[in-house]
Amino acid sequence: MNKILIILICFVCYCGCISKEQKQKAEANALYEQKIKAEQEFASKAFMISKNYIKSKIKSTGTADFPFKDFQSTSISPRIVEIRSYFDAENELGTNVRTHYIIRMEQTGDDWADPSAWEISDFKMY
């Protein structure tokens, strides 16, 4: 009877350890997913602001057409992101041309929707 009781206690402890490990893994996965979601939301906001910045730098602002969500981002830090995307706009000859760009942006203010709350540290069009 004692052997069965000891085996039962060991089994319960073993199951408790596995459950604790599974819980820790689940919590770690949830935190990782939260971090990824926050980075994606931040990048989407930066992408919207990048369009305004680019429009201020090109001649044919009225013809500039940006993709809705077609961009790539690299998170540099919680407040710095690099965006890679493109836009279509007419050149001086009236021909529609696709221009790709890379822009590195830092949110320096609290209101992300305010363009002055962002600092551009690098910008290239090609």
C-alpha atoms as a PDB file:
ATOM      1  CA  MET A   1       0.000   0.000   0.000  1.00  0.00           C
ATOM      2  CA  ASN A   2       2.864   2.396   0.834  1.00  0.00           C
ATOM      3  CA  LYS A   3       4.450   1.752  -2.571  1.00  0.00           C
ATOM      4  CA  ILE A   4       1.229   2.680  -4.344  1.00  0.00           C
ATOM      5  CA  LEU A   5       0.902   5.821  -2.249  1.00  0.00           C
ATOM      6  CA  ILE A   6       4.509   6.826  -3.003  1.00  0.00           C
ATOM      7  CA  ILE A   7       3.997   6.171  -6.729  1.00  0.00           C
ATOM      8  CA  LEU A   8       0.787   8.198  -6.686  1.00  0.00           C
ATOM      9  CA  ILE A   9       2.504  11.133  -4.926  1.00  0.00           C
ATOM     10  CA  CYS A  10       5.402  11.004  -7.418  1.00  0.00           C
ATOM     11  CA  PHE A  11       2.959  10.943 -10.320  1.00  0.00           C
ATOM     12  CA  VAL A  12       1.040  13.966  -8.992  1.00  0.00           C
ATOM     13  CA  CYS A  13       4.289  15.907  -8.462  1.00  0.00           C
ATOM     14  CA  TYR A  14       5.482  14.979 -11.964  1.00  0.00           C
ATOM     15  CA  CYS A  15       2.199  16.119 -13.516  1.00  0.00           C
ATOM     16  CA  GLY A  16       2.402  19.349 -11.527  1.00  0.00           C
ATOM     17  CA  CYS A  17       5.888  20.038 -12.869  1.00  0.00           C
ATOM     18  CA  ILE A  18       4.819  19.402 -16.443  1.00  0.00           C
ATOM     19  CA  SER A  19       1.794  21.628 -15.994  1.00  0.00           C
ATOM     20  CA  LYS A  20       3.995  24.412 -14.577  1.00  0.00           C
ATOM     21  CA  GLU A  21       6.401  24.148 -17.530  1.00  0.00           C
ATOM     22  CA  GLN A  22       3.521  24.205 -19.994  1.00  0.00           C
ATOM     23  CA  LYS A  23       2.062  27.246 -18.257  1.00  0.00           C
ATOM     24  CA  GLN A  24       5.420  29.056 -18.413  1.00  0.00           C
ATOM     25  CA  LYS A  25       5.759  28.236 -22.122  1.00  0.00           C
ATOM     26  CA  ALA A  26       2.226  29.448 -22.782  1.00  0.00           C
ATOM     27  CA  GLU A  27       2.908  32.701 -20.923  1.00  0.00           C
ATOM     28  CA  ALA A  28       6.167  33.210 -22.834  1.00  0.00           C
ATOM     29  CA  ASN A  29       4.378  32.593 -26.137  1.00  0.00           C
ATOM     30  CA  ALA A  30       1.630  35.051 -25.192  1.00  0.00           C
ATOM     31  CA  LEU A  31       4.205  37.730 -24.336  1.00  0.00           C
ATOM     32  CA  TYR A  32       6.021  37.115 -27.615  1.00  0.00           C
ATOM     33  CA  GLU A  33       2.785  37.402 -29.571  1.00  0.00           C
ATOM     34  CA  GLN A  34       1.953  40.657 -27.735  1.00  0.00           C
ATOM     35  CA  LYS A  35       5.370  42.040 -28.621  1.00  0.00           C
ATOM     36  CA  ILE A  36       4.992  41.095 -32.289  1.00  0.00           C
ATOM     37  CA  LYS A  37       1.493  42.625 -32.427  1.00  0.00           C
ATOM     38  CA  ALA A  38       2.747  45.861 -30.825  1.00  0.00           C
ATOM     39  CA  GLU A  39       5.629  46.041 -33.320  1.00  0.00           C
ATOM     40  CA  GLN A  40       3.225  45.511 -36.229  1.00  0.00           C
ATOM     41  CA  GLU A  41       0.878  48.219 -34.965  1.00  0.00           C
ATOM     42  CA  PHE A  42       3.791  50.613 -34.480  1.00  0.00           C
ATOM     43  CA  ALA A  43       5.080  49.857 -37.993  1.00  0.00           C
ATOM     44  CA  SER A  44       1.622  50.472 -39.486  1.00  0.00           C
ATOM     45  CA  LYS A  45       1.500  53.870 -37.795  1.00  0.00           C
ATOM     46  CA  ALA A  46       4.996  54.705 -39.026  1.00  0.00           C
ATOM     47  CA  PHE A  47       4.018  53.629 -42.555  1.00  0.00           C
ATOM     48  CA  MET A  48       1.089  56.065 -42.521  1.00  0.00           C
ATOM     49  CA  ILE A  49       3.345  58.896 -41.362  1.00  0.00           C
ATOM     50  CA  SER A  50       6.003  57.971 -43.944  1.00  0.00           C
ATOM     51  CA  LYS A  51       3.482  58.615 -46.737  1.00  0.00           C
ATOM     52  CA  ASN A  52       3.008  62.204 -45.520  1.00  0.00           C
ATOM     53  CA  TYR A  53       6.753  62.724 -45.346  1.00  0.00           C
ATOM     54  CA  ILE A  54       7.299  61.415 -48.873  1.00  0.00           C
ATOM     55  CA  LYS A  55       4.484  63.533 -50.283  1.00  0.00           C
ATOM     56  CA  SER A  56       6.288  66.575 -48.897  1.00  0.00           C
ATOM     57  CA  LYS A  57       9.470  65.548 -50.761  1.00  0.00           C
ATOM     58  CA  ILE A  58       8.135  64.773 -54.253  1.00  0.00           C
ATOM     59  CA  LYS A  59       6.993  67.150 -56.991  1.00  0.00           C
ATOM     60  CA  SER A  60       3.882  65.341 -58.206  1.00  0.00           C
ATOM     61  CA  THR A  61       2.117  65.008 -54.855  1.00  0.00           C
ATOM     62  CA  GLY A  62      -1.339  64.847 -56.446  1.00  0.00           C
ATOM     63  CA  THR A  63      -0.511  61.769 -58.498  1.00  0.00           C
ATOM     64  CA  ALA A  64       1.257  59.841 -55.731  1.00  0.00           C
ATOM     65  CA  ASP A  65      -0.413  56.504 -55.095  1.00  0.00           C
ATOM     66  CA  PHE A  66       0.761  54.434 -52.134  1.00  0.00           C
ATOM     67  CA  PRO A  67      -0.130  50.812 -51.467  1.00  0.00           C
ATOM     68  CA  PHE A  68      -2.668  50.207 -48.719  1.00  0.00           C
ATOM     69  CA  LYS A  69      -0.568  47.853 -46.576  1.00  0.00           C
ATOM     70  CA  ASP A  70       2.240  46.652 -48.830  1.00  0.00           C
ATOM     71  CA  PHE A  71       5.318  47.471 -46.783  1.00  0.00           C
ATOM     72  CA  GLN A  72       8.086  45.750 -44.878  1.00  0.00           C
ATOM     73  CA  SER A  73       9.365  46.903 -41.534  1.00  0.00           C
ATOM     74  CA  THR A  74      12.326  46.300 -39.291  1.00  0.00           C
ATOM     75  CA  SER A  75      12.027  47.198 -35.636  1.00  0.00           C
ATOM     76  CA  ILE A  76      15.243  48.883 -34.508  1.00  0.00           C
ATOM     77  CA  SER A  77      14.017  49.693 -30.990  1.00  0.00           C
ATOM     78  CA  PRO A  78      10.616  50.196 -29.358  1.00  0.00           C
ATOM     79  CA  ARG A  79      10.381  53.696 -30.883  1.00  0.00           C
ATOM     80  CA  ILE A  80      12.510  53.360 -34.038  1.00  0.00           C
ATOM     81  CA  VAL A  81      11.445  51.511 -37.169  1.00  0.00           C
ATOM     82  CA  GLU A  82      12.670  51.188 -40.729  1.00  0.00           C
ATOM     83  CA  ILE A  83       9.973  51.039 -43.423  1.00  0.00           C
ATOM     84  CA  ARG A  84      10.497  49.736 -46.972  1.00  0.00           C
ATOM     85  CA  SER A  85       7.796  50.287 -49.561  1.00  0.00           C
ATOM     86  CA  TYR A  86       6.993  52.067 -52.821  1.00  0.00           C
ATOM     87  CA  PHE A  87       4.693  54.570 -54.458  1.00  0.00           C
ATOM     88  CA  ASP A  88       3.542  55.255 -57.994  1.00  0.00           C
ATOM     89  CA  ALA A  89       3.551  58.824 -59.295  1.00  0.00           C
ATOM     90  CA  GLU A  90       3.793  60.678 -62.570  1.00  0.00           C
ATOM     91  CA  ASN A  91       7.172  62.027 -63.567  1.00  0.00           C
ATOM     92  CA  GLU A  92       7.816  65.286 -65.467  1.00  0.00           C
ATOM     93  CA  LEU A  93       6.814  63.591 -68.748  1.00  0.00           C
ATOM     94  CA  GLY A  94       3.479  62.394 -67.389  1.00  0.00           C
ATOM     95  CA  THR A  95       4.560  58.758 -67.220  1.00  0.00           C
ATOM     96  CA  ASN A  96       3.555  56.753 -64.176  1.00  0.00           C
ATOM     97  CA  VAL A  97       6.728  55.549 -62.424  1.00  0.00           C
ATOM     98  CA  ARG A  98       7.131  53.256 -59.420  1.00  0.00           C
ATOM     99  CA  THR A  99       9.649  54.484 -56.855  1.00  0.00           C
ATOM    100  CA  HIS A 100      10.822  52.361 -53.944  1.00  0.00           C
ATOM    101  CA  TYR A 101      11.932  53.877 -50.678  1.00  0.00           C
ATOM    102  CA  ILE A 102      13.506  53.121 -47.319  1.00  0.00           C
ATOM    103  CA  ILE A 103      12.860  55.413 -44.390  1.00  0.00           C
ATOM    104  CA  ARG A 104      14.052  55.148 -40.793  1.00  0.00           C
ATOM    105  CA  MET A 105      11.788  56.900 -38.328  1.00  0.00           C
ATOM    106  CA  GLU A 106      11.740  57.536 -34.607  1.00  0.00           C
ATOM    107  CA  GLN A 107       8.649  58.502 -32.668  1.00  0.00           C
ATOM    108  CA  THR A 108       9.839  61.340 -30.461  1.00  0.00           C
ATOM    109  CA  GLY A 109       6.453  62.660 -29.336  1.00  0.00           C
ATOM    110  CA  ASP A 110       3.472  61.105 -27.635  1.00  0.00           C
ATOM    111  CA  ASP A 111       0.867  61.565 -30.392  1.00  0.00           C
ATOM    112  CA  TRP A 112       1.823  59.172 -33.171  1.00  0.00           C
ATOM    113  CA  ALA A 113      -0.651  60.815 -35.586  1.00  0.00           C
ATOM    114  CA  ASP A 114       1.183  64.148 -35.343  1.00  0.00           C
ATOM    115  CA  PRO A 115       3.860  64.221 -38.074  1.00  0.00           C
ATOM    116  CA  SER A 116       5.981  66.536 -35.919  1.00  0.00           C
ATOM    117  CA  ALA A 117       6.166  63.745 -33.317  1.00  0.00           C
ATOM    118  CA  TRP A 118       8.445  61.787 -35.677  1.00  0.00           C
ATOM    119  CA  GLU A 119      12.079  62.266 -36.565  1.00  0.00           C
ATOM    120  CA  ILE A 120      13.471  60.966 -39.856  1.00  0.00           C
ATOM    121  CA  SER A 121      17.051  59.753 -39.530  1.00  0.00           C
ATOM    122  CA  ASP A 122      17.479  58.174 -42.969  1.00  0.00           C
ATOM    123  CA  PHE A 123      15.552  58.380 -46.223  1.00  0.00           C
ATOM    124  CA  LYS A 124      16.386  56.923 -49.642  1.00  0.00           C
ATOM    125  CA  MET A 125      14.368  56.649 -52.829  1.00  0.00           C
ATOM    126  CA  TYR A 126      15.408  54.397 -55.697  1.00  0.00           C
END
